[in-house]
N, C-alpha and C. Protein backbone atom coordinates (compact mmCIF):
# COMPACT_ATOMS: atom_id res chain seq x y z
N MET A 1 137.54 88.89 155.12
CA MET A 1 137.48 88.66 153.70
C MET A 1 138.88 88.27 153.23
N THR A 2 138.93 87.28 152.39
CA THR A 2 140.23 86.81 151.92
C THR A 2 140.71 87.67 150.76
N ILE A 3 141.99 87.57 150.51
CA ILE A 3 142.58 88.28 149.38
C ILE A 3 141.98 87.78 148.08
N LYS A 4 141.70 86.48 148.01
CA LYS A 4 141.13 85.90 146.80
C LYS A 4 139.77 86.51 146.49
N ALA A 5 138.93 86.69 147.51
CA ALA A 5 137.60 87.28 147.30
C ALA A 5 137.73 88.72 146.82
N LYS A 6 138.66 89.47 147.40
CA LYS A 6 138.86 90.86 146.97
C LYS A 6 139.32 90.91 145.52
N LEU A 7 140.29 90.07 145.18
CA LEU A 7 140.81 90.07 143.81
C LEU A 7 139.76 89.62 142.81
N THR A 8 138.93 88.65 143.20
CA THR A 8 137.86 88.20 142.30
C THR A 8 136.90 89.34 142.01
N GLY A 9 136.49 90.05 143.06
CA GLY A 9 135.57 91.18 142.88
C GLY A 9 136.18 92.28 142.03
N LEU A 10 137.43 92.61 142.28
CA LEU A 10 138.09 93.65 141.50
C LEU A 10 138.29 93.22 140.06
N ALA A 11 138.62 91.96 139.84
CA ALA A 11 138.81 91.47 138.47
C ALA A 11 137.50 91.52 137.70
N PHE A 12 136.39 91.14 138.37
CA PHE A 12 135.09 91.17 137.71
C PHE A 12 134.71 92.61 137.36
N ALA A 13 134.89 93.52 138.31
CA ALA A 13 134.56 94.93 138.06
C ALA A 13 135.45 95.50 136.97
N GLY A 14 136.74 95.13 136.98
CA GLY A 14 137.65 95.61 135.96
C GLY A 14 137.27 95.11 134.58
N ALA A 15 136.84 93.85 134.50
CA ALA A 15 136.42 93.30 133.21
C ALA A 15 135.19 94.02 132.69
N VAL A 16 134.28 94.35 133.58
CA VAL A 16 133.07 95.07 133.18
C VAL A 16 133.43 96.46 132.69
N MET A 17 134.32 97.14 133.42
CA MET A 17 134.69 98.49 133.03
C MET A 17 135.48 98.50 131.73
N ALA A 18 136.22 97.44 131.44
CA ALA A 18 137.03 97.38 130.23
C ALA A 18 136.24 96.88 129.04
N ALA A 19 135.01 96.41 129.26
CA ALA A 19 134.20 95.90 128.16
C ALA A 19 133.93 97.01 127.16
N PRO A 20 133.99 96.71 125.86
CA PRO A 20 133.75 97.76 124.89
C PRO A 20 132.32 98.27 125.00
N ALA A 21 132.18 99.57 124.94
CA ALA A 21 130.87 100.19 125.04
C ALA A 21 130.37 100.57 123.66
N SER A 22 130.73 99.82 122.66
CA SER A 22 130.47 100.10 121.25
C SER A 22 130.84 101.55 120.97
N ALA A 23 129.87 102.42 120.88
CA ALA A 23 130.20 103.83 120.64
C ALA A 23 129.77 104.66 121.83
N GLY A 24 129.76 104.08 123.02
CA GLY A 24 129.20 104.72 124.19
C GLY A 24 129.86 105.99 124.66
N ALA A 25 131.08 106.26 124.29
CA ALA A 25 131.75 107.44 124.82
C ALA A 25 132.23 108.37 123.71
N VAL A 26 131.60 108.31 122.55
CA VAL A 26 132.05 109.10 121.42
C VAL A 26 131.28 110.41 121.34
N THR A 27 132.00 111.50 121.20
CA THR A 27 131.39 112.81 121.01
C THR A 27 132.06 113.46 119.81
N ILE A 28 131.26 113.97 118.89
CA ILE A 28 131.78 114.63 117.70
C ILE A 28 131.28 116.08 117.71
N VAL A 29 132.18 117.02 117.50
CA VAL A 29 131.82 118.43 117.45
C VAL A 29 132.23 118.99 116.09
N GLN A 30 131.31 119.68 115.43
CA GLN A 30 131.62 120.33 114.16
C GLN A 30 131.12 121.77 114.25
N THR A 31 131.95 122.73 113.88
CA THR A 31 131.55 124.13 113.95
C THR A 31 131.25 124.67 112.55
N PHE A 32 130.54 125.79 112.51
CA PHE A 32 130.22 126.46 111.26
C PHE A 32 130.07 127.94 111.55
N SER A 33 130.09 128.76 110.52
CA SER A 33 129.90 130.20 110.71
C SER A 33 129.37 130.81 109.43
N GLY A 34 128.79 131.99 109.56
CA GLY A 34 128.28 132.70 108.41
C GLY A 34 128.53 134.18 108.56
N ALA A 35 128.78 134.84 107.46
CA ALA A 35 128.98 136.29 107.44
C ALA A 35 128.20 136.84 106.25
N PRO A 36 126.90 137.09 106.47
CA PRO A 36 126.06 137.54 105.35
C PRO A 36 126.59 138.78 104.65
N GLY A 37 127.29 139.67 105.36
CA GLY A 37 127.92 140.81 104.71
C GLY A 37 127.08 142.07 104.71
N ALA A 38 126.52 142.43 103.59
CA ALA A 38 125.79 143.68 103.45
C ALA A 38 124.49 143.66 104.24
N VAL A 39 123.85 144.83 104.29
CA VAL A 39 122.56 144.94 104.97
C VAL A 39 121.54 144.22 104.10
N GLN A 40 121.16 143.03 104.53
CA GLN A 40 120.25 142.23 103.70
C GLN A 40 119.72 141.05 104.49
N GLY A 41 118.75 140.39 103.90
CA GLY A 41 118.28 139.13 104.45
C GLY A 41 119.17 138.01 103.94
N PHE A 42 119.19 136.91 104.64
CA PHE A 42 120.01 135.79 104.20
C PHE A 42 119.30 134.48 104.52
N SER A 43 119.69 133.46 103.80
CA SER A 43 119.18 132.11 104.01
C SER A 43 120.35 131.15 103.79
N ASP A 44 120.81 130.53 104.87
CA ASP A 44 121.94 129.61 104.79
C ASP A 44 121.50 128.21 105.19
N SER A 45 122.20 127.23 104.66
CA SER A 45 121.89 125.84 104.99
C SER A 45 123.21 125.11 105.27
N TYR A 46 123.20 124.31 106.34
CA TYR A 46 124.39 123.53 106.74
C TYR A 46 123.97 122.07 106.88
N VAL A 47 124.81 121.17 106.39
CA VAL A 47 124.53 119.74 106.49
C VAL A 47 125.63 119.09 107.33
N PHE A 48 125.21 118.39 108.37
CA PHE A 48 126.12 117.67 109.25
C PHE A 48 125.80 116.19 109.08
N ASN A 49 126.80 115.38 108.73
CA ASN A 49 126.58 113.95 108.54
C ASN A 49 126.85 113.23 109.86
N ALA A 50 125.80 112.70 110.46
CA ALA A 50 125.94 111.96 111.72
C ALA A 50 126.35 110.53 111.40
N PRO A 51 127.55 110.10 111.81
CA PRO A 51 127.99 108.75 111.48
C PRO A 51 127.30 107.66 112.29
N PHE A 52 126.59 108.04 113.35
CA PHE A 52 125.86 107.08 114.17
C PHE A 52 124.67 107.79 114.80
N ALA A 53 123.70 107.00 115.26
CA ALA A 53 122.54 107.57 115.94
C ALA A 53 122.97 108.05 117.32
N GLY A 54 122.33 109.09 117.80
CA GLY A 54 122.69 109.61 119.12
C GLY A 54 121.88 110.83 119.47
N LYS A 55 122.42 111.62 120.38
CA LYS A 55 121.77 112.86 120.83
C LYS A 55 122.56 114.03 120.25
N LEU A 56 121.85 114.90 119.50
CA LEU A 56 122.49 116.02 118.83
C LEU A 56 122.13 117.32 119.53
N THR A 57 123.14 118.13 119.82
CA THR A 57 122.94 119.47 120.38
C THR A 57 123.42 120.47 119.34
N VAL A 58 122.58 121.46 119.03
CA VAL A 58 122.92 122.49 118.07
C VAL A 58 122.89 123.83 118.78
N LYS A 59 123.93 124.62 118.57
CA LYS A 59 124.03 125.95 119.17
C LYS A 59 124.33 126.94 118.06
N LEU A 60 123.62 128.07 118.04
CA LEU A 60 123.78 129.10 117.02
C LEU A 60 123.73 130.44 117.71
N GLU A 61 124.74 131.29 117.50
CA GLU A 61 124.76 132.59 118.16
C GLU A 61 125.33 133.66 117.24
N SER A 62 124.78 134.88 117.38
CA SER A 62 125.32 136.00 116.62
C SER A 62 126.53 136.54 117.36
N THR A 63 127.45 137.10 116.61
CA THR A 63 128.65 137.66 117.22
C THR A 63 128.73 139.14 116.92
N ASP A 64 129.30 139.89 117.82
CA ASP A 64 129.41 141.33 117.68
C ASP A 64 130.87 141.68 117.43
N VAL A 65 131.16 142.17 116.22
CA VAL A 65 132.54 142.53 115.89
C VAL A 65 132.72 144.04 115.77
N GLY A 66 131.77 144.80 116.24
CA GLY A 66 131.85 146.26 116.18
C GLY A 66 130.46 146.85 116.05
N GLY A 67 130.39 148.15 116.01
CA GLY A 67 129.10 148.82 115.93
C GLY A 67 128.36 148.50 114.64
N GLY A 68 127.06 148.38 114.74
CA GLY A 68 126.22 148.14 113.56
C GLY A 68 126.45 146.80 112.90
N THR A 69 126.73 145.77 113.69
CA THR A 69 127.03 144.46 113.09
C THR A 69 126.08 143.37 113.56
N ASN A 70 124.92 143.71 113.93
CA ASN A 70 123.98 142.75 114.49
C ASN A 70 123.45 141.79 113.44
N VAL A 71 123.20 140.56 113.84
CA VAL A 71 122.50 139.58 113.03
C VAL A 71 121.22 139.22 113.77
N ASN A 72 120.11 139.28 113.08
CA ASN A 72 118.82 138.90 113.67
C ASN A 72 118.32 137.65 112.97
N PHE A 73 118.12 136.59 113.74
CA PHE A 73 117.60 135.35 113.18
C PHE A 73 116.08 135.44 113.11
N ASN A 74 115.51 134.95 112.02
CA ASN A 74 114.06 134.92 111.89
C ASN A 74 113.48 134.01 112.96
N MET A 75 112.45 134.47 113.64
CA MET A 75 111.89 133.79 114.81
C MET A 75 111.61 132.31 114.59
N SER A 76 110.98 131.95 113.48
CA SER A 76 110.57 130.56 113.28
C SER A 76 111.28 129.89 112.12
N GLN A 77 112.33 130.49 111.62
CA GLN A 77 113.00 129.94 110.44
C GLN A 77 114.42 129.43 110.70
N VAL A 78 114.76 129.18 111.94
CA VAL A 78 116.04 128.55 112.26
C VAL A 78 115.69 127.13 112.70
N LYS A 79 115.91 126.16 111.80
CA LYS A 79 115.41 124.81 112.04
C LYS A 79 116.47 123.75 111.76
N LEU A 80 116.40 122.69 112.55
CA LEU A 80 117.20 121.49 112.32
C LEU A 80 116.23 120.38 111.94
N ASN A 81 116.35 119.88 110.72
CA ASN A 81 115.46 118.82 110.22
C ASN A 81 113.99 119.18 110.44
N GLY A 82 113.65 120.46 110.29
CA GLY A 82 112.26 120.91 110.43
C GLY A 82 111.85 121.27 111.85
N ILE A 83 112.72 121.09 112.83
CA ILE A 83 112.41 121.42 114.23
C ILE A 83 113.03 122.77 114.55
N THR A 84 112.21 123.71 115.01
CA THR A 84 112.68 125.06 115.31
C THR A 84 113.58 125.08 116.53
N LEU A 85 114.72 125.77 116.43
CA LEU A 85 115.63 125.92 117.56
C LEU A 85 115.03 126.86 118.59
N ASN A 86 115.23 126.57 119.86
CA ASN A 86 114.70 127.39 120.95
C ASN A 86 115.45 128.71 121.04
N VAL A 87 114.70 129.78 121.34
CA VAL A 87 115.29 131.10 121.53
C VAL A 87 115.79 131.19 122.97
N VAL A 88 117.07 131.45 123.14
CA VAL A 88 117.64 131.62 124.48
C VAL A 88 117.78 133.10 124.79
N SER A 89 118.24 133.89 123.82
CA SER A 89 118.34 135.33 124.02
C SER A 89 118.17 136.05 122.69
N ARG A 90 117.75 137.31 122.77
CA ARG A 90 117.57 138.16 121.59
C ARG A 90 118.36 139.45 121.79
N GLY A 91 118.50 140.21 120.72
CA GLY A 91 119.20 141.48 120.81
C GLY A 91 120.52 141.41 120.08
N VAL A 92 121.52 142.12 120.60
CA VAL A 92 122.84 142.14 119.96
C VAL A 92 123.42 140.73 119.92
N TYR A 93 123.28 140.01 121.01
CA TYR A 93 123.78 138.63 121.07
C TYR A 93 122.60 137.67 121.09
N GLU A 94 122.25 137.20 119.93
CA GLU A 94 121.14 136.24 119.85
C GLU A 94 121.70 134.83 119.99
N LEU A 95 120.96 134.00 120.68
CA LEU A 95 121.39 132.62 120.90
C LEU A 95 120.20 131.70 120.69
N ARG A 96 120.40 130.69 119.87
CA ARG A 96 119.39 129.65 119.62
C ARG A 96 120.05 128.31 119.86
N ARG A 97 119.26 127.35 120.37
CA ARG A 97 119.84 126.01 120.55
C ARG A 97 118.76 124.95 120.71
N LEU A 98 119.16 123.75 120.39
CA LEU A 98 118.40 122.52 120.65
C LEU A 98 119.35 121.63 121.43
N ILE A 99 118.87 121.02 122.50
CA ILE A 99 119.74 120.21 123.34
C ILE A 99 119.26 118.76 123.34
N ASN A 100 120.18 117.85 123.08
CA ASN A 100 119.95 116.40 123.15
C ASN A 100 118.75 115.94 122.33
N LEU A 101 118.71 116.35 121.08
CA LEU A 101 117.67 115.90 120.16
C LEU A 101 118.06 114.53 119.62
N PRO A 102 117.22 113.49 119.83
CA PRO A 102 117.57 112.17 119.29
C PRO A 102 117.55 112.20 117.76
N VAL A 103 118.62 111.74 117.13
CA VAL A 103 118.70 111.71 115.68
C VAL A 103 119.22 110.35 115.22
N ALA A 104 118.84 109.98 114.01
CA ALA A 104 119.35 108.76 113.38
C ALA A 104 120.65 109.10 112.66
N SER A 105 121.38 108.09 112.27
CA SER A 105 122.60 108.36 111.51
C SER A 105 122.21 108.90 110.13
N GLY A 106 123.11 109.66 109.55
CA GLY A 106 122.85 110.24 108.24
C GLY A 106 122.89 111.75 108.27
N PRO A 107 122.50 112.38 107.16
CA PRO A 107 122.60 113.84 107.08
C PRO A 107 121.57 114.55 107.97
N GLN A 108 122.04 115.60 108.65
CA GLN A 108 121.19 116.46 109.48
C GLN A 108 121.30 117.86 108.89
N THR A 109 120.18 118.49 108.56
CA THR A 109 120.20 119.77 107.87
C THR A 109 119.73 120.90 108.78
N LEU A 110 120.55 121.92 108.91
CA LEU A 110 120.22 123.13 109.67
C LEU A 110 119.99 124.25 108.67
N SER A 111 118.81 124.87 108.73
CA SER A 111 118.55 126.03 107.88
C SER A 111 118.45 127.27 108.76
N VAL A 112 119.14 128.32 108.34
CA VAL A 112 119.21 129.57 109.10
C VAL A 112 118.72 130.70 108.20
N VAL A 113 117.68 131.40 108.65
CA VAL A 113 117.12 132.52 107.90
C VAL A 113 117.12 133.72 108.83
N GLY A 114 117.53 134.87 108.31
CA GLY A 114 117.54 136.07 109.14
C GLY A 114 117.93 137.29 108.34
N ALA A 115 118.27 138.34 109.06
CA ALA A 115 118.70 139.60 108.46
C ALA A 115 119.99 140.04 109.12
N SER A 116 120.82 140.70 108.34
CA SER A 116 122.12 141.10 108.85
C SER A 116 122.37 142.57 108.56
N GLN A 117 123.14 143.19 109.45
CA GLN A 117 123.63 144.54 109.17
C GLN A 117 125.00 144.41 108.53
N ALA A 118 125.67 145.51 108.32
CA ALA A 118 126.88 145.57 107.48
C ALA A 118 127.88 144.43 107.67
N PHE A 119 128.38 144.22 108.89
CA PHE A 119 129.41 143.21 109.08
C PHE A 119 128.94 142.10 110.02
N GLY A 120 127.66 141.82 110.01
CA GLY A 120 127.10 140.82 110.91
C GLY A 120 127.65 139.43 110.65
N THR A 121 127.91 138.71 111.73
CA THR A 121 128.39 137.34 111.62
C THR A 121 127.70 136.48 112.67
N TYR A 122 127.75 135.18 112.46
CA TYR A 122 127.25 134.25 113.47
C TYR A 122 128.10 132.99 113.44
N THR A 123 128.08 132.27 114.54
CA THR A 123 128.81 131.01 114.65
C THR A 123 127.88 129.97 115.26
N GLY A 124 128.27 128.74 115.12
CA GLY A 124 127.46 127.67 115.70
C GLY A 124 128.23 126.37 115.76
N SER A 125 127.59 125.38 116.36
CA SER A 125 128.24 124.08 116.46
C SER A 125 127.20 122.97 116.52
N PHE A 126 127.58 121.84 115.98
CA PHE A 126 126.84 120.60 116.12
C PHE A 126 127.64 119.73 117.08
N THR A 127 127.00 119.15 118.08
CA THR A 127 127.68 118.23 118.99
C THR A 127 126.85 116.95 119.05
N LEU A 128 127.43 115.86 118.61
CA LEU A 128 126.74 114.57 118.59
C LEU A 128 127.39 113.63 119.60
N ALA A 129 126.59 113.09 120.50
CA ALA A 129 127.08 112.14 121.50
C ALA A 129 126.23 110.88 121.43
N THR A 130 126.86 109.76 121.61
CA THR A 130 126.12 108.50 121.57
C THR A 130 125.38 108.27 122.87
N VAL A 131 124.39 107.44 122.80
CA VAL A 131 123.63 107.05 123.98
C VAL A 131 124.16 105.69 124.42
N PRO A 132 124.62 105.56 125.67
CA PRO A 132 125.15 104.27 126.12
C PRO A 132 124.08 103.17 126.01
N GLU A 133 124.52 102.00 125.62
CA GLU A 133 123.59 100.88 125.50
C GLU A 133 123.18 100.40 126.88
N PRO A 134 121.96 99.89 127.01
CA PRO A 134 121.49 99.39 128.31
C PRO A 134 122.39 98.29 128.87
N ALA A 135 122.95 97.45 128.01
CA ALA A 135 123.82 96.37 128.50
C ALA A 135 125.07 96.94 129.17
N THR A 136 125.58 98.03 128.65
CA THR A 136 126.76 98.66 129.26
C THR A 136 126.45 99.10 130.68
N TRP A 137 125.29 99.76 130.84
CA TRP A 137 124.89 100.21 132.18
C TRP A 137 124.66 99.02 133.11
N ALA A 138 124.01 97.98 132.59
CA ALA A 138 123.72 96.82 133.43
C ALA A 138 125.01 96.16 133.93
N PHE A 139 125.98 95.98 133.04
CA PHE A 139 127.24 95.37 133.46
C PHE A 139 128.00 96.25 134.45
N MET A 140 127.94 97.55 134.26
CA MET A 140 128.64 98.44 135.18
C MET A 140 128.01 98.34 136.58
N ILE A 141 126.70 98.38 136.65
CA ILE A 141 126.01 98.28 137.95
C ILE A 141 126.26 96.92 138.58
N LEU A 142 126.22 95.87 137.76
CA LEU A 142 126.49 94.53 138.26
C LEU A 142 127.92 94.43 138.82
N GLY A 143 128.87 95.04 138.16
CA GLY A 143 130.26 95.03 138.63
C GLY A 143 130.41 95.73 139.96
N PHE A 144 129.78 96.89 140.11
CA PHE A 144 129.84 97.59 141.39
C PHE A 144 129.15 96.79 142.49
N GLY A 145 128.04 96.14 142.14
CA GLY A 145 127.34 95.30 143.13
C GLY A 145 128.20 94.13 143.58
N ALA A 146 128.91 93.51 142.64
CA ALA A 146 129.77 92.38 143.00
C ALA A 146 130.91 92.83 143.90
N VAL A 147 131.50 93.97 143.59
CA VAL A 147 132.58 94.49 144.44
C VAL A 147 132.04 94.76 145.83
N GLY A 148 130.87 95.39 145.92
CA GLY A 148 130.27 95.67 147.23
C GLY A 148 129.96 94.40 148.00
N MET A 149 129.46 93.38 147.30
CA MET A 149 129.12 92.13 147.96
C MET A 149 130.38 91.47 148.54
N PHE A 150 131.45 91.44 147.77
CA PHE A 150 132.68 90.81 148.26
C PHE A 150 133.32 91.62 149.38
N MET A 151 133.15 92.91 149.36
CA MET A 151 133.73 93.73 150.42
C MET A 151 132.98 93.57 151.73
N ARG A 152 131.68 93.36 151.68
CA ARG A 152 130.88 93.27 152.89
C ARG A 152 130.75 91.84 153.43
N ARG A 153 131.11 90.88 152.64
CA ARG A 153 130.98 89.49 153.06
C ARG A 153 131.93 89.19 154.20
N ARG A 154 131.40 88.60 155.25
CA ARG A 154 132.22 88.31 156.43
C ARG A 154 132.63 86.84 156.43
N LYS A 155 133.73 86.63 157.06
CA LYS A 155 134.22 85.26 157.19
C LYS A 155 133.33 84.54 158.20
N ALA A 156 132.90 83.36 157.85
CA ALA A 156 132.03 82.59 158.75
C ALA A 156 132.83 82.11 159.96
N ASN A 157 132.23 82.26 161.13
CA ASN A 157 132.87 81.78 162.36
C ASN A 157 132.65 80.28 162.48
N VAL A 158 133.70 79.58 162.75
CA VAL A 158 133.62 78.13 162.90
C VAL A 158 133.85 77.81 164.37
N ASN A 159 132.88 77.15 164.98
CA ASN A 159 133.02 76.72 166.38
C ASN A 159 133.48 75.26 166.40
N VAL A 160 134.59 75.04 167.01
CA VAL A 160 135.13 73.69 167.10
C VAL A 160 135.00 73.24 168.55
N SER A 161 134.42 72.08 168.72
CA SER A 161 134.33 71.53 170.08
C SER A 161 135.11 70.22 170.12
N TYR A 162 135.95 70.12 171.13
CA TYR A 162 136.76 68.92 171.29
C TYR A 162 136.08 68.00 172.30
N ALA A 163 136.02 66.76 171.98
CA ALA A 163 135.37 65.81 172.86
C ALA A 163 136.27 65.22 173.90
């Protein structure tokens, strides 16, 4: 294989890798927390503005800051845009989450309903990641294929016969 063939393959792959992926590698994380305070029920609402369409992951967990500080989330009343968050664990450390929910750009509303003891608190996060465009994947695969083709290509043998 000639140096020119190697450089051509590498240049093509480099151009593909350097091509803009629009918003293909953007991840946005926003956190929130609540401290209902006294022994009571609570209803909180959080709005996250998604600047682009993508996959949204929501995580919500109670935190323990000492004795008698538990937060209990209502079983079916912790929702993102009307979709109930999955229960991962219950008890002192409750955990709810939705993973990779496709969302459109715009406001996303999380409603949290539950009961709290004296100093109960909870924390959570919204994580929004874009979905790579199909063209980005196609160019990347094409670039790797071109590099592989140039690396495996053999120099043709030329037979010369003198008369």
